[in-house]
Amino acid sequence: MAGLELLSDQGYRIDGRRAGELRKIQARMGVFAQADGSAYIEQGNTKALAVVYGPHEIRGSRSRALPDRALVNCQYSSATFSTGERKRRPHGDRKSCEMGLQLRQTFEAAILTQLHPRSQIDIYVQVLQADGGTYAACVNAATLAVMDAGIPMRDFVCACSAGFVDGTALADLSHVEEAAGGPQLALALLPASGQIALLEMDSRLHEDHLEQVLEAAAQAARDVHALLDRVVRQHVQEASILLGD
């Protein structure tokens, strides 16, 4: 990426966006009738699918059941064709396990698990195309799928990435911007309360710039919330029409 100008003198990025501007987001809920909840999202060229089952009885050993809350199980996978690198990843490789753990931590902070003790909620997310902001797309798709399943949550959980280039914080990084190797973070936010469900940072960033990058990610997550809220309202409206209400 040597010599590649990520931010022009006029303040435009490679894809023509301003520093704090999101990529185009499109989303649908209820894409699989067989699941309790499902959703599909596109953030720029990153595409993710989420499916939710539960709450249901614990599968396998009943000793895994938690007496005071539901067990949240998250599994992440990426399609072989999701990136330009045609490398077949074995199921349960390190990256998939780390992403699954991050998703579980995120949704344990958002789902009202205490309402379903001794039960299990399964969240499966697959990335169909990866072009930056993979974690954020997975969180946003899973949020819609959990809501589609009717599972109570404290709030939406909305995620976005941010980076720092030439003294400017950039929101919603593309693959080219991520590959440039600058400081970047991923943030999952509960927008109503401002509570952070998960914050992960890659590479070093001086503490003087941290607040600026964090605010860029938080504002982008709030912008994502406005978009997801419209998707949920539209889905409810369509469902009401189908039911004849």
C-alpha atoms as a PDB file:
ATOM      1  CA  MET A   1       0.000   0.000   0.000  1.00  0.00           C
ATOM      2  CA  ALA A   2       3.069   2.254  -0.250  1.00  0.00           C
ATOM      3  CA  GLY A   3       2.240   5.590  -1.839  1.00  0.00           C
ATOM      4  CA  LEU A   4      -1.515   5.057  -1.726  1.00  0.00           C
ATOM      5  CA  GLU A   5      -3.338   8.231  -0.703  1.00  0.00           C
ATOM      6  CA  LEU A   6      -6.102   7.210   1.713  1.00  0.00           C
ATOM      7  CA  LEU A   7      -7.288  10.776   2.289  1.00  0.00           C
ATOM      8  CA  SER A   8      -7.045  13.559  -0.293  1.00  0.00           C
ATOM      9  CA  ASP A   9      -6.225  17.183   0.456  1.00  0.00           C
ATOM     10  CA  GLN A  10      -9.930  17.934  -0.073  1.00  0.00           C
ATOM     11  CA  GLY A  11     -10.886  15.453   2.660  1.00  0.00           C
ATOM     12  CA  TYR A  12     -12.148  12.635   0.405  1.00  0.00           C
ATOM     13  CA  ARG A  13     -11.299   8.964   0.796  1.00  0.00           C
ATOM     14  CA  ILE A  14     -10.439   6.468  -1.958  1.00  0.00           C
ATOM     15  CA  ASP A  15     -14.104   5.532  -2.479  1.00  0.00           C
ATOM     16  CA  GLY A  16     -15.254   9.169  -2.455  1.00  0.00           C
ATOM     17  CA  ARG A  17     -16.618   9.273   1.101  1.00  0.00           C
ATOM     18  CA  ARG A  18     -15.967  11.943   3.700  1.00  0.00           C
ATOM     19  CA  ALA A  19     -14.077  10.974   6.865  1.00  0.00           C
ATOM     20  CA  GLY A  20     -17.156  10.202   8.988  1.00  0.00           C
ATOM     21  CA  GLU A  21     -19.386   8.896   6.216  1.00  0.00           C
ATOM     22  CA  LEU A  22     -20.731   5.329   6.264  1.00  0.00           C
ATOM     23  CA  ARG A  23     -20.716   3.005   3.293  1.00  0.00           C
ATOM     24  CA  LYS A  24     -24.151   2.239   1.878  1.00  0.00           C
ATOM     25  CA  ILE A  25     -26.070  -0.151   4.149  1.00  0.00           C
ATOM     26  CA  GLN A  26     -28.886  -2.432   3.011  1.00  0.00           C
ATOM     27  CA  ALA A  27     -30.535  -5.016   5.254  1.00  0.00           C
ATOM     28  CA  ARG A  28     -33.430  -7.471   5.365  1.00  0.00           C
ATOM     29  CA  MET A  29     -34.984  -9.437   8.225  1.00  0.00           C
ATOM     30  CA  GLY A  30     -36.732 -12.806   8.086  1.00  0.00           C
ATOM     31  CA  VAL A  31     -34.736 -14.232   5.184  1.00  0.00           C
ATOM     32  CA  PHE A  32     -35.034 -17.862   6.449  1.00  0.00           C
ATOM     33  CA  ALA A  33     -38.446 -19.203   7.442  1.00  0.00           C
ATOM     34  CA  GLN A  34     -36.919 -22.303   9.104  1.00  0.00           C
ATOM     35  CA  ALA A  35     -34.996 -20.301  11.721  1.00  0.00           C
ATOM     36  CA  ASP A  36     -36.428 -18.485  14.748  1.00  0.00           C
ATOM     37  CA  GLY A  37     -34.765 -15.317  13.477  1.00  0.00           C
ATOM     38  CA  SER A  38     -32.599 -14.343  10.518  1.00  0.00           C
ATOM     39  CA  ALA A  39     -31.181 -11.298   8.738  1.00  0.00           C
ATOM     40  CA  TYR A  40     -28.948 -10.331   5.835  1.00  0.00           C
ATOM     41  CA  ILE A  41     -26.889  -7.137   5.645  1.00  0.00           C
ATOM     42  CA  GLU A  42     -24.646  -5.386   3.168  1.00  0.00           C
ATOM     43  CA  GLN A  43     -22.246  -2.695   4.391  1.00  0.00           C
ATOM     44  CA  GLY A  44     -20.530  -1.492   1.268  1.00  0.00           C
ATOM     45  CA  ASN A  45     -19.227  -4.668  -0.349  1.00  0.00           C
ATOM     46  CA  THR A  46     -19.145  -6.602   2.938  1.00  0.00           C
ATOM     47  CA  LYS A  47     -22.073  -9.024   3.107  1.00  0.00           C
ATOM     48  CA  ALA A  48     -23.131 -11.082   6.131  1.00  0.00           C
ATOM     49  CA  LEU A  49     -25.930 -13.478   7.009  1.00  0.00           C
ATOM     50  CA  ALA A  50     -27.109 -14.212  10.570  1.00  0.00           C
ATOM     51  CA  VAL A  51     -29.412 -16.958  11.826  1.00  0.00           C
ATOM     52  CA  VAL A  52     -30.752 -17.342  15.378  1.00  0.00           C
ATOM     53  CA  TYR A  53     -32.305 -20.360  17.121  1.00  0.00           C
ATOM     54  CA  GLY A  54     -33.779 -20.262  20.584  1.00  0.00           C
ATOM     55  CA  PRO A  55     -34.234 -19.880  23.395  1.00  0.00           C
ATOM     56  CA  HIS A  56     -34.364 -23.682  23.550  1.00  0.00           C
ATOM     57  CA  GLU A  57     -33.267 -26.458  25.899  1.00  0.00           C
ATOM     58  CA  ILE A  58     -29.546 -26.935  26.382  1.00  0.00           C
ATOM     59  CA  ARG A  59     -28.101 -29.275  23.783  1.00  0.00           C
ATOM     60  CA  GLY A  60     -25.580 -31.834  24.938  1.00  0.00           C
ATOM     61  CA  SER A  61     -24.584 -31.998  28.581  1.00  0.00           C
ATOM     62  CA  ARG A  62     -27.193 -30.440  30.863  1.00  0.00           C
ATOM     63  CA  SER A  63     -24.369 -29.449  33.224  1.00  0.00           C
ATOM     64  CA  ARG A  64     -23.716 -26.526  30.834  1.00  0.00           C
ATOM     65  CA  ALA A  65     -27.083 -25.005  31.789  1.00  0.00           C
ATOM     66  CA  LEU A  66     -26.863 -21.763  33.770  1.00  0.00           C
ATOM     67  CA  PRO A  67     -29.406 -21.557  36.622  1.00  0.00           C
ATOM     68  CA  ASP A  68     -29.918 -17.780  36.410  1.00  0.00           C
ATOM     69  CA  ARG A  69     -29.612 -16.965  32.698  1.00  0.00           C
ATOM     70  CA  ALA A  70     -29.496 -18.272  29.161  1.00  0.00           C
ATOM     71  CA  LEU A  71     -26.314 -19.599  27.584  1.00  0.00           C
ATOM     72  CA  VAL A  72     -25.392 -17.574  24.481  1.00  0.00           C
ATOM     73  CA  ASN A  73     -23.616 -19.621  21.815  1.00  0.00           C
ATOM     74  CA  CYS A  74     -22.111 -17.744  18.825  1.00  0.00           C
ATOM     75  CA  GLN A  75     -20.442 -19.319  15.826  1.00  0.00           C
ATOM     76  CA  TYR A  76     -18.728 -17.418  13.018  1.00  0.00           C
ATOM     77  CA  SER A  77     -17.702 -18.651   9.594  1.00  0.00           C
ATOM     78  CA  SER A  78     -16.665 -17.099   6.307  1.00  0.00           C
ATOM     79  CA  ALA A  79     -17.453 -18.484   2.875  1.00  0.00           C
ATOM     80  CA  THR A  80     -14.459 -19.764   0.891  1.00  0.00           C
ATOM     81  CA  PHE A  81     -15.286 -17.234  -1.826  1.00  0.00           C
ATOM     82  CA  SER A  82     -15.657 -14.288   0.608  1.00  0.00           C
ATOM     83  CA  THR A  83     -12.179 -12.880  -0.083  1.00  0.00           C
ATOM     84  CA  GLY A  84      -9.798 -12.715  -3.031  1.00  0.00           C
ATOM     85  CA  GLU A  85      -7.617 -15.273  -1.242  1.00  0.00           C
ATOM     86  CA  ARG A  86      -9.054 -18.694  -2.069  1.00  0.00           C
ATOM     87  CA  LYS A  87      -7.938 -20.365   1.142  1.00  0.00           C
ATOM     88  CA  ARG A  88     -10.181 -22.971   2.641  1.00  0.00           C
ATOM     89  CA  ARG A  89     -10.444 -22.341   6.369  1.00  0.00           C
ATOM     90  CA  PRO A  90     -11.055 -25.382   8.545  1.00  0.00           C
ATOM     91  CA  HIS A  91     -14.140 -25.151  10.756  1.00  0.00           C
ATOM     92  CA  GLY A  92     -13.056 -23.823  14.135  1.00  0.00           C
ATOM     93  CA  ASP A  93      -9.808 -22.174  13.027  1.00  0.00           C
ATOM     94  CA  ARG A  94      -8.289 -19.495  15.253  1.00  0.00           C
ATOM     95  CA  LYS A  95      -9.835 -16.483  13.487  1.00  0.00           C
ATOM     96  CA  SER A  96     -13.314 -18.025  13.526  1.00  0.00           C
ATOM     97  CA  CYS A  97     -13.024 -18.924  17.229  1.00  0.00           C
ATOM     98  CA  GLU A  98     -11.871 -15.395  18.134  1.00  0.00           C
ATOM     99  CA  MET A  99     -14.701 -13.809  16.159  1.00  0.00           C
ATOM    100  CA  GLY A 100     -17.218 -16.203  17.751  1.00  0.00           C
ATOM    101  CA  LEU A 101     -15.939 -15.234  21.209  1.00  0.00           C
ATOM    102  CA  GLN A 102     -16.189 -11.509  20.423  1.00  0.00           C
ATOM    103  CA  LEU A 103     -19.752 -11.938  19.176  1.00  0.00           C
ATOM    104  CA  ARG A 104     -20.693 -13.894  22.307  1.00  0.00           C
ATOM    105  CA  GLN A 105     -19.262 -11.209  24.596  1.00  0.00           C
ATOM    106  CA  THR A 106     -21.114  -8.549  22.601  1.00  0.00           C
ATOM    107  CA  PHE A 107     -24.513 -10.217  22.782  1.00  0.00           C
ATOM    108  CA  GLU A 108     -24.202 -11.331  26.392  1.00  0.00           C
ATOM    109  CA  ALA A 109     -24.092  -7.590  27.148  1.00  0.00           C
ATOM    110  CA  ALA A 110     -27.208  -6.884  25.062  1.00  0.00           C
ATOM    111  CA  ILE A 111     -29.595  -9.851  25.424  1.00  0.00           C
ATOM    112  CA  LEU A 112     -31.751 -10.065  28.578  1.00  0.00           C
ATOM    113  CA  THR A 113     -30.461 -13.571  29.301  1.00  0.00           C
ATOM    114  CA  GLN A 114     -31.922 -13.617  32.833  1.00  0.00           C
ATOM    115  CA  LEU A 115     -35.412 -13.971  31.332  1.00  0.00           C
ATOM    116  CA  HIS A 116     -34.555 -17.434  29.991  1.00  0.00           C
ATOM    117  CA  PRO A 117     -32.657 -19.410  32.661  1.00  0.00           C
ATOM    118  CA  ARG A 118     -31.432 -22.929  31.872  1.00  0.00           C
ATOM    119  CA  SER A 119     -31.836 -22.374  28.136  1.00  0.00           C
ATOM    120  CA  GLN A 120     -29.617 -21.726  25.136  1.00  0.00           C
ATOM    121  CA  ILE A 121     -29.605 -19.117  22.364  1.00  0.00           C
ATOM    122  CA  ASP A 122     -27.635 -19.952  19.219  1.00  0.00           C
ATOM    123  CA  ILE A 123     -26.374 -17.213  16.893  1.00  0.00           C
ATOM    124  CA  TYR A 124     -24.733 -18.302  13.638  1.00  0.00           C
ATOM    125  CA  VAL A 125     -23.100 -15.687  11.409  1.00  0.00           C
ATOM    126  CA  GLN A 126     -21.516 -16.243   8.006  1.00  0.00           C
ATOM    127  CA  VAL A 127     -19.626 -13.663   5.961  1.00  0.00           C
ATOM    128  CA  LEU A 128     -20.395 -14.085   2.278  1.00  0.00           C
ATOM    129  CA  GLN A 129     -18.128 -11.270   1.086  1.00  0.00           C
ATOM    130  CA  ALA A 130     -15.424  -9.482   3.073  1.00  0.00           C
ATOM    131  CA  ASP A 131     -14.409  -5.922   2.192  1.00  0.00           C
ATOM    132  CA  GLY A 132     -13.592  -4.397   5.569  1.00  0.00           C
ATOM    133  CA  GLY A 133     -15.601  -3.990   8.769  1.00  0.00           C
ATOM    134  CA  THR A 134     -16.336  -7.718   9.046  1.00  0.00           C
ATOM    135  CA  TYR A 135     -16.965  -7.721  12.813  1.00  0.00           C
ATOM    136  CA  ALA A 136     -19.303  -4.721  12.532  1.00  0.00           C
ATOM    137  CA  ALA A 137     -21.333  -6.304   9.732  1.00  0.00           C
ATOM    138  CA  CYS A 138     -21.651  -9.534  11.749  1.00  0.00           C
ATOM    139  CA  VAL A 139     -22.869  -7.671  14.852  1.00  0.00           C
ATOM    140  CA  ASN A 140     -25.384  -5.607  12.902  1.00  0.00           C
ATOM    141  CA  ALA A 141     -26.745  -8.654  11.066  1.00  0.00           C
ATOM    142  CA  ALA A 142     -26.965 -10.644  14.323  1.00  0.00           C
ATOM    143  CA  THR A 143     -28.798  -7.767  16.056  1.00  0.00           C
ATOM    144  CA  LEU A 144     -31.518  -7.831  13.408  1.00  0.00           C
ATOM    145  CA  ALA A 145     -31.705 -11.643  13.562  1.00  0.00           C
ATOM    146  CA  VAL A 146     -32.065 -11.660  17.370  1.00  0.00           C
ATOM    147  CA  MET A 147     -34.844  -9.080  17.103  1.00  0.00           C
ATOM    148  CA  ASP A 148     -36.486 -11.119  14.351  1.00  0.00           C
ATOM    149  CA  ALA A 149     -36.487 -14.084  16.768  1.00  0.00           C
ATOM    150  CA  GLY A 150     -38.355 -11.965  19.321  1.00  0.00           C
ATOM    151  CA  ILE A 151     -35.618 -12.333  21.936  1.00  0.00           C
ATOM    152  CA  PRO A 152     -35.710  -9.391  24.421  1.00  0.00           C
ATOM    153  CA  MET A 153     -32.671  -7.100  24.336  1.00  0.00           C
ATOM    154  CA  ARG A 154     -31.616  -4.123  26.445  1.00  0.00           C
ATOM    155  CA  ASP A 155     -31.164  -2.118  23.266  1.00  0.00           C
ATOM    156  CA  PHE A 156     -29.971  -2.383  19.712  1.00  0.00           C
ATOM    157  CA  VAL A 157     -26.300  -3.292  19.598  1.00  0.00           C
ATOM    158  CA  CYS A 158     -24.705  -1.467  16.664  1.00  0.00           C
ATOM    159  CA  ALA A 159     -21.098  -1.754  15.550  1.00  0.00           C
ATOM    160  CA  CYS A 160     -18.682   0.129  13.349  1.00  0.00           C
ATOM    161  CA  SER A 161     -14.943   0.375  12.748  1.00  0.00           C
ATOM    162  CA  ALA A 162     -12.738   3.469  12.736  1.00  0.00           C
ATOM    163  CA  GLY A 163      -9.150   4.293  11.861  1.00  0.00           C
ATOM    164  CA  PHE A 164      -6.678   7.174  11.951  1.00  0.00           C
ATOM    165  CA  VAL A 165      -4.994   8.584   8.829  1.00  0.00           C
ATOM    166  CA  ASP A 166      -3.046  11.849   8.450  1.00  0.00           C
ATOM    167  CA  GLY A 167      -4.409  13.277  11.691  1.00  0.00           C
ATOM    168  CA  THR A 168      -8.010  12.439  10.763  1.00  0.00           C
ATOM    169  CA  ALA A 169     -10.345   9.785  12.193  1.00  0.00           C
ATOM    170  CA  LEU A 170     -12.041   7.683   9.488  1.00  0.00           C
ATOM    171  CA  ALA A 171     -15.277   5.788  10.149  1.00  0.00           C
ATOM    172  CA  ASP A 172     -16.385   2.456   8.625  1.00  0.00           C
ATOM    173  CA  LEU A 173     -13.120   1.277   7.095  1.00  0.00           C
ATOM    174  CA  SER A 174     -12.992  -0.541   3.771  1.00  0.00           C
ATOM    175  CA  HIS A 175     -10.610  -3.429   3.079  1.00  0.00           C
ATOM    176  CA  VAL A 176      -8.107  -1.111   1.347  1.00  0.00           C
ATOM    177  CA  GLU A 177      -8.060   1.202   4.385  1.00  0.00           C
ATOM    178  CA  GLU A 178      -7.674  -1.721   6.804  1.00  0.00           C
ATOM    179  CA  ALA A 179      -4.888  -3.256   4.710  1.00  0.00           C
ATOM    180  CA  ALA A 180      -2.921   0.022   4.848  1.00  0.00           C
ATOM    181  CA  GLY A 181      -1.978  -1.001   8.384  1.00  0.00           C
ATOM    182  CA  GLY A 182      -2.770   2.156  10.337  1.00  0.00           C
ATOM    183  CA  PRO A 183      -4.364   2.257  13.797  1.00  0.00           C
ATOM    184  CA  GLN A 184      -7.928   0.946  13.791  1.00  0.00           C
ATOM    185  CA  LEU A 185     -10.588  -0.087  16.276  1.00  0.00           C
ATOM    186  CA  ALA A 186     -13.936  -1.884  16.279  1.00  0.00           C
ATOM    187  CA  LEU A 187     -16.721  -0.681  18.565  1.00  0.00           C
ATOM    188  CA  ALA A 188     -20.063  -2.257  19.506  1.00  0.00           C
ATOM    189  CA  LEU A 189     -22.396   0.261  21.139  1.00  0.00           C
ATOM    190  CA  LEU A 190     -25.776   0.190  22.868  1.00  0.00           C
ATOM    191  CA  PRO A 191     -26.887   3.577  21.498  1.00  0.00           C
ATOM    192  CA  ALA A 192     -29.684   4.460  23.958  1.00  0.00           C
ATOM    193  CA  SER A 193     -27.450   4.199  27.035  1.00  0.00           C
ATOM    194  CA  GLY A 194     -24.104   4.800  25.341  1.00  0.00           C
ATOM    195  CA  GLN A 195     -22.816   1.581  26.939  1.00  0.00           C
ATOM    196  CA  ILE A 196     -19.918  -0.079  25.090  1.00  0.00           C
ATOM    197  CA  ALA A 197     -20.526  -3.798  24.580  1.00  0.00           C
ATOM    198  CA  LEU A 198     -17.120  -4.462  23.020  1.00  0.00           C
ATOM    199  CA  LEU A 199     -14.080  -2.408  22.046  1.00  0.00           C
ATOM    200  CA  GLU A 200     -11.102  -3.898  20.220  1.00  0.00           C
ATOM    201  CA  MET A 201      -8.032  -2.058  18.974  1.00  0.00           C
ATOM    202  CA  ASP A 202      -5.473  -3.183  16.384  1.00  0.00           C
ATOM    203  CA  SER A 203      -1.990  -1.608  16.443  1.00  0.00           C
ATOM    204  CA  ARG A 204      -0.841   1.308  18.571  1.00  0.00           C
ATOM    205  CA  LEU A 205      -2.467   4.733  18.723  1.00  0.00           C
ATOM    206  CA  HIS A 206      -1.276   7.680  20.795  1.00  0.00           C
ATOM    207  CA  GLU A 207      -3.646   8.429  23.657  1.00  0.00           C
ATOM    208  CA  ASP A 208      -4.039  12.017  22.407  1.00  0.00           C
ATOM    209  CA  HIS A 209      -5.874  10.667  19.336  1.00  0.00           C
ATOM    210  CA  LEU A 210      -7.850   7.877  21.012  1.00  0.00           C
ATOM    211  CA  GLU A 211     -10.844  10.031  21.971  1.00  0.00           C
ATOM    212  CA  GLN A 212     -11.159  11.351  18.411  1.00  0.00           C
ATOM    213  CA  VAL A 213     -11.137   7.874  16.852  1.00  0.00           C
ATOM    214  CA  LEU A 214     -13.470   6.488  19.526  1.00  0.00           C
ATOM    215  CA  GLU A 215     -15.974   9.310  18.937  1.00  0.00           C
ATOM    216  CA  ALA A 216     -15.833   8.699  15.165  1.00  0.00           C
ATOM    217  CA  ALA A 217     -16.682   5.015  15.730  1.00  0.00           C
ATOM    218  CA  ALA A 218     -19.424   5.882  18.254  1.00  0.00           C
ATOM    219  CA  GLN A 219     -21.054   8.433  15.933  1.00  0.00           C
ATOM    220  CA  ALA A 220     -20.900   5.930  13.074  1.00  0.00           C
ATOM    221  CA  ALA A 221     -22.539   3.295  15.324  1.00  0.00           C
ATOM    222  CA  ARG A 222     -25.313   5.779  16.128  1.00  0.00           C
ATOM    223  CA  ASP A 223     -25.785   6.374  12.392  1.00  0.00           C
ATOM    224  CA  VAL A 224     -25.993   2.588  11.910  1.00  0.00           C
ATOM    225  CA  HIS A 225     -28.647   2.477  14.655  1.00  0.00           C
ATOM    226  CA  ALA A 226     -30.832   4.945  12.756  1.00  0.00           C
ATOM    227  CA  LEU A 227     -30.638   2.751   9.660  1.00  0.00           C
ATOM    228  CA  LEU A 228     -31.294  -0.526  11.521  1.00  0.00           C
ATOM    229  CA  ASP A 229     -34.221   1.048  13.368  1.00  0.00           C
ATOM    230  CA  ARG A 230     -35.841   1.860  10.024  1.00  0.00           C
ATOM    231  CA  VAL A 231     -35.281  -1.725   8.840  1.00  0.00           C
ATOM    232  CA  VAL A 232     -36.967  -3.127  11.976  1.00  0.00           C
ATOM    233  CA  ARG A 233     -39.930  -0.740  11.709  1.00  0.00           C
ATOM    234  CA  GLN A 234     -40.404  -1.582   8.033  1.00  0.00           C
ATOM    235  CA  HIS A 235     -40.245  -5.317   8.794  1.00  0.00           C
ATOM    236  CA  VAL A 236     -42.852  -4.999  11.563  1.00  0.00           C
ATOM    237  CA  GLN A 237     -45.090  -2.978   9.268  1.00  0.00           C
ATOM    238  CA  GLU A 238     -44.828  -5.582   6.494  1.00  0.00           C
ATOM    239  CA  ALA A 239     -45.525  -8.401   8.963  1.00  0.00           C
ATOM    240  CA  SER A 240     -48.605  -6.551  10.261  1.00  0.00           C
ATOM    241  CA  ILE A 241     -49.946  -6.185   6.710  1.00  0.00           C
ATOM    242  CA  LEU A 242     -49.432  -9.909   6.035  1.00  0.00           C
ATOM    243  CA  LEU A 243     -51.274 -10.796   9.251  1.00  0.00           C
ATOM    244  CA  GLY A 244     -54.092  -8.438   8.326  1.00  0.00           C
ATOM    245  CA  ASP A 245     -53.740  -6.186  11.373  1.00  0.00           C
END
